[in-house]
């Protein structure tokens, strides 16, 4: 009986590992679908200067939980973009995040911020940019490390939109939707 249990457990572990690998490979190829789209996504060009944004947070069932406005100031120095984001939420809460984003020779991006765990990895194709990162999110008297699958899409020279799916332990916990307008 015990050997049967371990056998089923081993099979379950193999199935979970297979699903995880298939999920990763599906995510890593999704950016390729955008190679032919325009306008091309030039991260440094778009965010240099002032950008206004507004958006919302939704819980896992799609219910809007918060709204916010963001003033963004971008400064490019060589292959580094420093983005200062000043958030104001609908309940009056204010937050600031300062990103340091490095453009690599292969066209990928590495982003760092105080509340990002490790590095954000960004890949561009056509009009799209996909970021993968973990953000430490404060909730009441604790924090949660939330994985972000963050997609930005260039609409034109002035407008861009962004959808980020948030997950914890592989389960969807919410979504962030943003709209950007270069000033």
N, C-alpha and C. Protein backbone atom coordinates (compact mmCIF):
# COMPACT_ATOMS: atom_id res chain seq x y z
N UNK A 1 0.82 -1.19 0.00
CA UNK A 1 0.00 0.00 0.00
C UNK A 1 0.87 1.26 0.00
N UNK A 2 1.91 1.27 0.84
CA UNK A 2 2.78 2.43 0.93
C UNK A 2 3.53 2.66 -0.38
N UNK A 3 3.98 1.58 -1.03
CA UNK A 3 4.70 1.74 -2.29
C UNK A 3 3.78 2.28 -3.39
N UNK A 4 2.51 1.91 -3.34
CA UNK A 4 1.54 2.44 -4.31
C UNK A 4 1.37 3.95 -4.11
N UNK A 5 1.30 4.38 -2.84
CA UNK A 5 1.17 5.80 -2.53
C UNK A 5 2.36 6.59 -3.09
N UNK A 6 3.59 6.10 -2.84
CA UNK A 6 4.78 6.79 -3.34
C UNK A 6 4.81 6.79 -4.85
N UNK A 7 4.33 5.74 -5.47
CA UNK A 7 4.28 5.65 -6.92
C UNK A 7 3.33 6.70 -7.49
N UNK A 8 2.17 6.86 -6.87
CA UNK A 8 1.21 7.88 -7.31
C UNK A 8 1.76 9.27 -7.06
N UNK A 9 2.44 9.43 -5.92
CA UNK A 9 3.04 10.72 -5.60
C UNK A 9 4.11 11.09 -6.63
N UNK A 10 4.93 10.14 -7.03
CA UNK A 10 5.98 10.38 -8.03
C UNK A 10 5.35 10.74 -9.37
N UNK A 11 4.26 10.07 -9.74
CA UNK A 11 3.57 10.38 -10.98
C UNK A 11 3.00 11.79 -10.93
N UNK A 12 2.41 12.15 -9.82
CA UNK A 12 1.86 13.50 -9.65
C UNK A 12 2.96 14.55 -9.77
N UNK A 13 4.11 14.32 -9.13
CA UNK A 13 5.23 15.26 -9.23
C UNK A 13 5.68 15.41 -10.68
N UNK A 14 5.75 14.32 -11.43
CA UNK A 14 6.15 14.38 -12.85
C UNK A 14 5.14 15.18 -13.66
N UNK A 15 3.84 14.98 -13.39
CA UNK A 15 2.81 15.73 -14.12
C UNK A 15 2.88 17.22 -13.81
N UNK A 16 3.08 17.56 -12.54
CA UNK A 16 3.21 18.97 -12.16
C UNK A 16 4.43 19.59 -12.84
N UNK A 17 5.55 18.89 -12.85
CA UNK A 17 6.76 19.39 -13.52
C UNK A 17 6.53 19.57 -15.00
N UNK A 18 5.84 18.64 -15.65
CA UNK A 18 5.55 18.75 -17.08
C UNK A 18 4.68 19.96 -17.38
N UNK A 19 3.62 20.16 -16.58
CA UNK A 19 2.75 21.32 -16.77
C UNK A 19 3.55 22.61 -16.59
N UNK A 20 4.42 22.66 -15.59
CA UNK A 20 5.24 23.84 -15.34
C UNK A 20 6.15 24.13 -16.54
N UNK A 21 6.82 23.13 -17.07
CA UNK A 21 7.72 23.31 -18.22
C UNK A 21 6.93 23.75 -19.45
N UNK A 22 5.78 23.15 -19.69
CA UNK A 22 4.96 23.56 -20.84
C UNK A 22 4.48 24.99 -20.69
N UNK A 23 4.12 25.37 -19.46
CA UNK A 23 3.68 26.75 -19.21
C UNK A 23 4.82 27.72 -19.49
N UNK A 24 6.01 27.42 -19.01
CA UNK A 24 7.16 28.30 -19.25
C UNK A 24 7.46 28.42 -20.73
N UNK A 25 7.42 27.33 -21.46
CA UNK A 25 7.73 27.41 -22.89
C UNK A 25 6.67 28.18 -23.64
N UNK A 26 5.41 28.09 -23.22
CA UNK A 26 4.35 28.85 -23.88
C UNK A 26 4.54 30.34 -23.63
N UNK A 27 4.91 30.70 -22.40
CA UNK A 27 5.13 32.12 -22.08
C UNK A 27 6.32 32.68 -22.83
N UNK A 28 7.38 31.92 -22.94
CA UNK A 28 8.60 32.45 -23.54
C UNK A 28 8.45 32.67 -25.04
N UNK A 29 7.54 31.98 -25.70
CA UNK A 29 7.36 32.14 -27.14
C UNK A 29 6.29 33.17 -27.49
N UNK A 30 5.48 33.61 -26.54
CA UNK A 30 4.38 34.52 -26.82
C UNK A 30 4.85 35.84 -27.43
N UNK A 31 6.00 36.34 -27.05
CA UNK A 31 6.50 37.61 -27.57
C UNK A 31 6.76 37.53 -29.07
N UNK A 32 7.09 36.35 -29.57
CA UNK A 32 7.38 36.18 -30.99
C UNK A 32 6.20 36.53 -31.88
N UNK A 33 4.99 36.46 -31.35
CA UNK A 33 3.79 36.77 -32.13
C UNK A 33 3.74 38.24 -32.56
N UNK A 34 4.55 39.11 -31.97
CA UNK A 34 4.47 40.55 -32.20
C UNK A 34 5.57 41.10 -33.11
N UNK A 35 6.43 40.26 -33.65
CA UNK A 35 7.56 40.75 -34.46
C UNK A 35 7.14 41.67 -35.60
N UNK A 36 6.02 41.42 -36.24
CA UNK A 36 5.61 42.20 -37.41
C UNK A 36 4.73 43.40 -37.07
N UNK A 37 4.46 43.64 -35.78
CA UNK A 37 3.56 44.73 -35.41
C UNK A 37 4.31 46.06 -35.33
N UNK A 38 3.59 47.14 -35.55
CA UNK A 38 4.15 48.49 -35.48
C UNK A 38 3.24 49.36 -34.63
N UNK A 39 3.72 50.48 -34.11
CA UNK A 39 5.08 50.98 -34.22
C UNK A 39 6.02 50.17 -33.33
N UNK A 40 7.30 50.20 -33.68
CA UNK A 40 8.26 49.43 -32.90
C UNK A 40 8.34 49.99 -31.48
N UNK A 41 8.57 49.09 -30.53
CA UNK A 41 8.61 49.47 -29.13
C UNK A 41 10.03 49.93 -28.78
N UNK A 42 10.18 51.23 -28.63
CA UNK A 42 11.46 51.82 -28.22
C UNK A 42 11.27 52.36 -26.81
N UNK A 43 11.62 51.53 -25.83
CA UNK A 43 11.37 51.85 -24.42
C UNK A 43 12.00 53.17 -23.99
N UNK A 44 13.28 53.36 -24.29
CA UNK A 44 13.97 54.58 -23.85
C UNK A 44 13.39 55.81 -24.52
N UNK A 45 13.12 55.73 -25.79
CA UNK A 45 12.55 56.87 -26.53
C UNK A 45 11.19 57.24 -25.97
N UNK A 46 10.35 56.24 -25.69
CA UNK A 46 9.00 56.53 -25.21
C UNK A 46 9.03 57.16 -23.82
N UNK A 47 9.82 56.63 -22.90
CA UNK A 47 9.76 57.09 -21.52
C UNK A 47 10.70 58.24 -21.20
N UNK A 48 11.54 58.69 -22.13
CA UNK A 48 12.38 59.85 -21.84
C UNK A 48 11.49 61.08 -21.78
N UNK A 49 11.56 61.80 -20.68
CA UNK A 49 10.71 62.97 -20.48
C UNK A 49 9.54 62.62 -19.57
N UNK A 50 8.41 63.29 -19.82
CA UNK A 50 7.23 63.12 -18.95
C UNK A 50 6.17 62.27 -19.62
N UNK A 51 5.58 61.39 -18.82
CA UNK A 51 4.50 60.51 -19.26
C UNK A 51 3.45 60.50 -18.15
N UNK A 52 2.19 60.59 -18.53
CA UNK A 52 1.09 60.44 -17.57
C UNK A 52 0.45 59.08 -17.80
N UNK A 53 -0.02 58.47 -16.72
CA UNK A 53 -0.69 57.17 -16.83
C UNK A 53 -1.83 57.11 -15.83
N UNK A 54 -2.78 56.25 -16.12
CA UNK A 54 -3.88 56.00 -15.21
C UNK A 54 -4.28 54.54 -15.37
N UNK A 55 -4.79 53.97 -14.28
CA UNK A 55 -5.11 52.56 -14.37
C UNK A 55 -5.93 52.07 -13.22
N UNK A 56 -6.05 50.74 -13.18
CA UNK A 56 -6.84 50.10 -12.14
C UNK A 56 -6.25 48.74 -11.77
N UNK A 57 -6.58 48.31 -10.56
CA UNK A 57 -6.28 46.97 -10.07
C UNK A 57 -7.58 46.20 -10.01
N UNK A 58 -7.52 44.93 -10.39
CA UNK A 58 -8.68 44.05 -10.29
C UNK A 58 -8.27 42.81 -9.50
N UNK A 59 -9.21 42.26 -8.75
CA UNK A 59 -8.92 41.02 -8.05
C UNK A 59 -9.04 39.84 -9.01
N UNK A 60 -8.84 38.63 -8.51
CA UNK A 60 -8.82 37.45 -9.38
C UNK A 60 -10.14 37.19 -10.08
N UNK A 61 -11.25 37.72 -9.54
CA UNK A 61 -12.55 37.52 -10.19
C UNK A 61 -12.90 38.66 -11.15
N UNK A 62 -11.99 39.63 -11.29
CA UNK A 62 -12.21 40.73 -12.24
C UNK A 62 -12.85 41.96 -11.65
N UNK A 63 -13.10 41.98 -10.35
CA UNK A 63 -13.71 43.13 -9.70
C UNK A 63 -12.65 44.21 -9.48
N UNK A 64 -12.97 45.43 -9.91
CA UNK A 64 -12.06 46.55 -9.72
C UNK A 64 -11.93 46.84 -8.22
N UNK A 65 -10.67 46.88 -7.73
CA UNK A 65 -10.44 47.12 -6.31
C UNK A 65 -9.82 48.48 -6.03
N UNK A 66 -9.05 49.02 -6.99
CA UNK A 66 -8.42 50.32 -6.81
C UNK A 66 -8.23 50.98 -8.17
N UNK A 67 -8.19 52.31 -8.14
CA UNK A 67 -7.83 53.10 -9.32
C UNK A 67 -6.67 54.00 -8.93
N UNK A 68 -5.90 54.44 -9.93
CA UNK A 68 -4.75 55.28 -9.63
C UNK A 68 -4.34 56.10 -10.84
N UNK A 69 -3.60 57.17 -10.56
CA UNK A 69 -2.95 58.00 -11.56
C UNK A 69 -1.45 57.93 -11.29
N UNK A 70 -0.65 58.08 -12.35
CA UNK A 70 0.80 58.02 -12.20
C UNK A 70 1.44 59.13 -13.02
N UNK A 71 2.34 59.88 -12.41
CA UNK A 71 3.20 60.83 -13.11
C UNK A 71 4.56 60.17 -13.22
N UNK A 72 5.08 60.09 -14.44
CA UNK A 72 6.34 59.39 -14.69
C UNK A 72 7.33 60.37 -15.30
N UNK A 73 8.54 60.34 -14.80
CA UNK A 73 9.63 61.16 -15.35
C UNK A 73 10.77 60.21 -15.71
N UNK A 74 11.20 60.23 -16.97
CA UNK A 74 12.27 59.36 -17.43
C UNK A 74 13.50 60.13 -17.84
N UNK A 75 14.66 59.66 -17.39
CA UNK A 75 15.94 60.27 -17.75
C UNK A 75 16.85 59.17 -18.29
N UNK A 76 17.35 59.39 -19.52
CA UNK A 76 18.24 58.42 -20.16
C UNK A 76 19.67 58.92 -20.04
N UNK A 77 20.54 58.03 -19.53
CA UNK A 77 21.97 58.31 -19.46
C UNK A 77 22.68 57.08 -20.01
N UNK A 78 23.19 57.19 -21.25
CA UNK A 78 23.84 56.04 -21.89
C UNK A 78 22.85 54.92 -22.12
N UNK A 79 23.15 53.73 -21.57
CA UNK A 79 22.25 52.60 -21.75
C UNK A 79 21.37 52.35 -20.50
N UNK A 80 21.17 53.41 -19.70
CA UNK A 80 20.35 53.30 -18.50
C UNK A 80 19.22 54.33 -18.53
N UNK A 81 18.01 53.84 -18.28
CA UNK A 81 16.84 54.69 -18.14
C UNK A 81 16.43 54.69 -16.68
N UNK A 82 16.35 55.87 -16.08
CA UNK A 82 15.84 55.99 -14.71
C UNK A 82 14.42 56.53 -14.79
N UNK A 83 13.48 55.73 -14.30
CA UNK A 83 12.06 56.11 -14.31
C UNK A 83 11.61 56.37 -12.89
N UNK A 84 11.10 57.57 -12.65
CA UNK A 84 10.51 57.89 -11.35
C UNK A 84 9.00 57.91 -11.54
N UNK A 85 8.32 56.98 -10.84
CA UNK A 85 6.87 56.85 -10.95
C UNK A 85 6.24 57.31 -9.63
N UNK A 86 5.37 58.32 -9.71
CA UNK A 86 4.66 58.81 -8.53
C UNK A 86 3.18 58.45 -8.67
N UNK A 87 2.73 57.51 -7.83
CA UNK A 87 1.36 57.00 -7.86
C UNK A 87 0.49 57.74 -6.86
N UNK A 88 -0.75 58.02 -7.26
CA UNK A 88 -1.77 58.52 -6.34
C UNK A 88 -2.99 57.63 -6.55
N UNK A 89 -3.39 56.92 -5.48
CA UNK A 89 -4.52 56.00 -5.53
C UNK A 89 -5.82 56.72 -5.18
N UNK A 90 -6.94 56.11 -5.56
CA UNK A 90 -8.25 56.74 -5.35
C UNK A 90 -8.59 56.93 -3.87
N UNK A 91 -7.92 56.23 -2.96
CA UNK A 91 -8.15 56.43 -1.53
C UNK A 91 -7.18 57.45 -0.92
N UNK A 92 -6.36 58.10 -1.79
CA UNK A 92 -5.42 59.11 -1.33
C UNK A 92 -4.02 58.61 -1.05
N UNK A 93 -3.83 57.28 -1.01
CA UNK A 93 -2.49 56.73 -0.77
C UNK A 93 -1.55 57.15 -1.89
N UNK A 94 -0.30 57.45 -1.50
CA UNK A 94 0.73 57.81 -2.47
C UNK A 94 1.88 56.81 -2.36
N UNK A 95 2.43 56.45 -3.50
CA UNK A 95 3.60 55.56 -3.56
C UNK A 95 4.55 56.09 -4.61
N UNK A 96 5.82 55.81 -4.42
CA UNK A 96 6.82 56.14 -5.44
C UNK A 96 7.67 54.90 -5.71
N UNK A 97 7.91 54.65 -6.99
CA UNK A 97 8.82 53.57 -7.40
C UNK A 97 9.82 54.20 -8.36
N UNK A 98 11.10 53.91 -8.13
CA UNK A 98 12.14 54.39 -9.03
C UNK A 98 12.80 53.18 -9.66
N UNK A 99 12.67 53.10 -10.98
CA UNK A 99 13.25 52.01 -11.76
C UNK A 99 14.59 52.44 -12.33
N UNK A 100 15.52 51.53 -12.35
CA UNK A 100 16.76 51.68 -13.11
C UNK A 100 16.74 50.56 -14.15
N UNK A 101 16.64 50.95 -15.41
CA UNK A 101 16.48 49.97 -16.50
C UNK A 101 17.70 50.05 -17.41
N UNK A 102 18.33 48.91 -17.61
CA UNK A 102 19.52 48.81 -18.46
C UNK A 102 19.16 48.11 -19.75
N UNK A 103 19.58 48.70 -20.89
CA UNK A 103 19.38 48.06 -22.19
C UNK A 103 20.63 47.25 -22.50
N UNK A 104 20.43 45.95 -22.70
CA UNK A 104 21.54 45.06 -23.03
C UNK A 104 21.86 45.10 -24.52
N UNK A 105 23.03 44.67 -24.88
CA UNK A 105 23.46 44.66 -26.29
C UNK A 105 22.54 43.82 -27.17
N UNK A 106 21.92 42.78 -26.59
CA UNK A 106 21.03 41.92 -27.39
C UNK A 106 19.61 42.48 -27.50
N UNK A 107 19.37 43.69 -26.97
CA UNK A 107 18.06 44.32 -27.08
C UNK A 107 17.12 44.02 -25.92
N UNK A 108 17.52 43.14 -25.00
CA UNK A 108 16.69 42.87 -23.83
C UNK A 108 16.94 43.95 -22.78
N UNK A 109 16.10 43.96 -21.76
CA UNK A 109 16.20 44.94 -20.70
C UNK A 109 16.27 44.24 -19.34
N UNK A 110 16.99 44.87 -18.42
CA UNK A 110 17.03 44.44 -17.03
C UNK A 110 16.55 45.63 -16.21
N UNK A 111 15.54 45.41 -15.39
CA UNK A 111 15.01 46.48 -14.55
C UNK A 111 15.17 46.16 -13.08
N UNK A 112 15.47 47.19 -12.29
CA UNK A 112 15.59 47.03 -10.85
C UNK A 112 14.87 48.19 -10.17
N UNK A 113 14.24 47.87 -9.04
CA UNK A 113 13.59 48.86 -8.19
C UNK A 113 13.61 48.31 -6.77
N UNK A 114 13.44 49.18 -5.78
CA UNK A 114 13.54 48.75 -4.38
C UNK A 114 12.55 47.64 -4.03
N UNK A 115 11.35 47.65 -4.62
CA UNK A 115 10.36 46.64 -4.26
C UNK A 115 10.28 45.49 -5.25
N UNK A 116 11.22 45.44 -6.20
CA UNK A 116 11.32 44.31 -7.13
C UNK A 116 12.33 43.32 -6.55
N UNK A 117 11.91 42.07 -6.45
CA UNK A 117 12.78 41.02 -5.92
C UNK A 117 13.65 40.52 -7.07
N UNK A 118 14.95 40.66 -6.94
CA UNK A 118 15.85 40.28 -8.03
C UNK A 118 15.76 41.29 -9.16
N UNK A 119 15.66 40.81 -10.39
CA UNK A 119 15.62 41.68 -11.56
C UNK A 119 14.36 41.42 -12.38
N UNK A 120 13.87 42.49 -13.01
CA UNK A 120 12.82 42.37 -14.00
C UNK A 120 13.51 42.13 -15.34
N UNK A 121 13.02 41.17 -16.10
CA UNK A 121 13.59 40.84 -17.40
C UNK A 121 12.59 41.26 -18.47
N UNK A 122 13.03 42.09 -19.42
CA UNK A 122 12.15 42.58 -20.47
C UNK A 122 12.63 42.16 -21.84
N UNK A 123 11.68 41.73 -22.68
CA UNK A 123 11.97 41.31 -24.05
C UNK A 123 11.01 42.05 -24.97
N UNK A 124 11.55 42.60 -26.08
CA UNK A 124 10.77 43.38 -27.03
C UNK A 124 10.64 42.62 -28.34
N UNK A 125 9.46 42.74 -28.95
CA UNK A 125 9.23 42.29 -30.33
C UNK A 125 8.15 43.17 -30.91
N UNK A 126 8.43 43.80 -32.05
CA UNK A 126 7.44 44.67 -32.69
C UNK A 126 7.00 45.78 -31.75
N UNK A 127 5.66 45.89 -31.56
CA UNK A 127 5.13 46.95 -30.70
C UNK A 127 4.95 46.52 -29.24
N UNK A 128 5.46 45.34 -28.88
CA UNK A 128 5.21 44.79 -27.55
C UNK A 128 6.49 44.65 -26.73
N UNK A 129 6.32 44.79 -25.42
CA UNK A 129 7.38 44.53 -24.44
C UNK A 129 6.77 43.64 -23.37
N UNK A 130 7.43 42.55 -23.05
CA UNK A 130 6.99 41.66 -21.98
C UNK A 130 8.02 41.70 -20.86
N UNK A 131 7.57 42.06 -19.67
CA UNK A 131 8.38 42.06 -18.45
C UNK A 131 7.96 40.88 -17.61
N UNK A 132 8.93 40.22 -16.98
CA UNK A 132 8.69 39.17 -16.00
C UNK A 132 9.44 39.57 -14.73
N UNK A 133 8.72 39.67 -13.61
CA UNK A 133 9.37 40.06 -12.36
C UNK A 133 8.49 39.72 -11.16
N UNK A 134 9.09 39.81 -9.99
CA UNK A 134 8.37 39.61 -8.74
C UNK A 134 8.42 40.91 -7.96
N UNK A 135 7.24 41.36 -7.55
CA UNK A 135 7.11 42.62 -6.83
C UNK A 135 6.68 42.33 -5.40
N UNK A 136 7.33 42.97 -4.45
CA UNK A 136 6.94 42.85 -3.04
C UNK A 136 5.85 43.89 -2.78
N UNK A 137 4.65 43.41 -2.51
CA UNK A 137 3.47 44.27 -2.39
C UNK A 137 3.03 44.35 -0.93
N UNK A 138 2.95 45.58 -0.38
CA UNK A 138 2.46 45.73 1.00
C UNK A 138 0.93 45.61 1.04
N UNK A 139 0.44 44.81 1.97
CA UNK A 139 -1.00 44.68 2.21
C UNK A 139 -1.20 44.68 3.72
N UNK A 140 -1.90 45.68 4.21
CA UNK A 140 -2.11 45.85 5.65
C UNK A 140 -0.76 45.85 6.37
N UNK A 141 -0.55 44.93 7.30
CA UNK A 141 0.69 44.92 8.08
C UNK A 141 1.70 43.89 7.60
N UNK A 142 1.56 43.40 6.37
CA UNK A 142 2.48 42.39 5.85
C UNK A 142 2.82 42.70 4.39
N UNK A 143 3.62 41.87 3.78
CA UNK A 143 3.92 42.02 2.35
C UNK A 143 3.79 40.66 1.68
N UNK A 144 3.51 40.69 0.38
CA UNK A 144 3.41 39.49 -0.43
C UNK A 144 4.30 39.64 -1.65
N UNK A 145 5.00 38.59 -2.01
CA UNK A 145 5.81 38.58 -3.23
C UNK A 145 4.93 38.05 -4.36
N UNK A 146 4.59 38.93 -5.30
CA UNK A 146 3.65 38.63 -6.37
C UNK A 146 4.40 38.60 -7.70
N UNK A 147 4.21 37.54 -8.47
CA UNK A 147 4.82 37.41 -9.79
C UNK A 147 3.99 38.20 -10.80
N UNK A 148 4.69 38.98 -11.63
CA UNK A 148 4.03 39.79 -12.66
C UNK A 148 4.43 39.29 -14.04
N UNK A 149 3.43 39.09 -14.89
CA UNK A 149 3.61 38.84 -16.32
C UNK A 149 3.04 40.10 -16.96
N UNK A 150 3.91 41.04 -17.28
CA UNK A 150 3.57 42.42 -17.58
C UNK A 150 3.77 42.69 -19.08
N UNK A 151 2.69 43.05 -19.78
CA UNK A 151 2.73 43.29 -21.23
C UNK A 151 2.42 44.75 -21.53
N UNK A 152 3.33 45.40 -22.26
CA UNK A 152 3.13 46.78 -22.71
C UNK A 152 3.01 46.76 -24.24
N UNK A 153 2.06 47.56 -24.76
CA UNK A 153 1.83 47.61 -26.20
C UNK A 153 1.81 49.07 -26.66
N UNK A 154 2.67 49.38 -27.59
CA UNK A 154 2.73 50.72 -28.17
C UNK A 154 1.55 50.88 -29.12
N UNK A 155 0.72 51.88 -28.91
CA UNK A 155 -0.42 52.17 -29.78
C UNK A 155 0.01 53.08 -30.93
N UNK A 156 0.74 54.15 -30.58
CA UNK A 156 1.24 55.11 -31.56
C UNK A 156 2.38 55.87 -30.90
N UNK A 157 2.75 57.03 -31.40
CA UNK A 157 3.89 57.78 -30.86
C UNK A 157 3.61 58.33 -29.46
N UNK A 158 2.33 58.48 -29.09
CA UNK A 158 1.96 59.13 -27.84
C UNK A 158 1.35 58.16 -26.83
N UNK A 159 0.59 57.17 -27.30
CA UNK A 159 -0.18 56.32 -26.40
C UNK A 159 0.35 54.89 -26.34
N UNK A 160 0.18 54.31 -25.16
CA UNK A 160 0.60 52.94 -24.93
C UNK A 160 -0.36 52.36 -23.89
N UNK A 161 -0.58 51.05 -23.94
CA UNK A 161 -1.37 50.42 -22.89
C UNK A 161 -0.63 49.22 -22.34
N UNK A 162 -1.06 48.81 -21.14
CA UNK A 162 -0.32 47.83 -20.35
C UNK A 162 -1.30 46.95 -19.59
N UNK A 163 -1.09 45.64 -19.66
CA UNK A 163 -1.87 44.68 -18.89
C UNK A 163 -0.88 43.77 -18.18
N UNK A 164 -1.02 43.67 -16.87
CA UNK A 164 -0.13 42.82 -16.09
C UNK A 164 -0.96 41.83 -15.28
N UNK A 165 -0.69 40.55 -15.50
CA UNK A 165 -1.34 39.51 -14.72
C UNK A 165 -0.47 39.22 -13.51
N UNK A 166 -1.12 39.14 -12.35
CA UNK A 166 -0.41 38.90 -11.09
C UNK A 166 -0.75 37.50 -10.59
N UNK A 167 0.30 36.80 -10.11
CA UNK A 167 0.05 35.45 -9.59
C UNK A 167 0.91 35.17 -8.36
N UNK A 168 0.47 34.20 -7.60
CA UNK A 168 1.18 33.73 -6.41
C UNK A 168 1.09 32.21 -6.43
N UNK A 169 2.23 31.54 -6.37
CA UNK A 169 2.29 30.08 -6.45
C UNK A 169 1.61 29.55 -7.71
N UNK A 170 1.65 30.34 -8.80
CA UNK A 170 1.07 29.90 -10.07
C UNK A 170 -0.42 30.18 -10.20
N UNK A 171 -1.04 30.73 -9.18
CA UNK A 171 -2.47 31.02 -9.22
C UNK A 171 -2.69 32.52 -9.43
N UNK A 172 -3.59 32.87 -10.32
CA UNK A 172 -3.90 34.27 -10.59
C UNK A 172 -4.51 34.91 -9.35
N UNK A 173 -3.96 36.07 -8.98
CA UNK A 173 -4.49 36.81 -7.83
C UNK A 173 -5.05 38.17 -8.24
N UNK A 174 -4.78 38.61 -9.47
CA UNK A 174 -5.30 39.89 -9.91
C UNK A 174 -4.70 40.34 -11.22
N UNK A 175 -5.09 41.56 -11.60
CA UNK A 175 -4.64 42.14 -12.86
C UNK A 175 -4.50 43.65 -12.69
N UNK A 176 -3.50 44.21 -13.37
CA UNK A 176 -3.32 45.66 -13.42
C UNK A 176 -3.48 46.08 -14.87
N UNK A 177 -4.28 47.11 -15.12
CA UNK A 177 -4.44 47.67 -16.47
C UNK A 177 -4.07 49.14 -16.40
N UNK A 178 -3.21 49.58 -17.34
CA UNK A 178 -2.75 50.96 -17.37
C UNK A 178 -2.84 51.52 -18.79
N UNK A 179 -3.04 52.82 -18.87
CA UNK A 179 -2.98 53.54 -20.13
C UNK A 179 -1.96 54.67 -19.95
N UNK A 180 -1.08 54.85 -20.93
CA UNK A 180 -0.01 55.84 -20.88
C UNK A 180 -0.19 56.88 -21.98
N UNK A 181 0.22 58.11 -21.67
CA UNK A 181 0.22 59.17 -22.67
C UNK A 181 1.47 60.01 -22.50
N UNK A 182 2.32 59.99 -23.54
CA UNK A 182 3.55 60.77 -23.51
C UNK A 182 3.21 62.25 -23.63
N UNK A 183 3.85 63.08 -22.81
CA UNK A 183 3.55 64.52 -22.80
C UNK A 183 4.48 65.27 -23.73
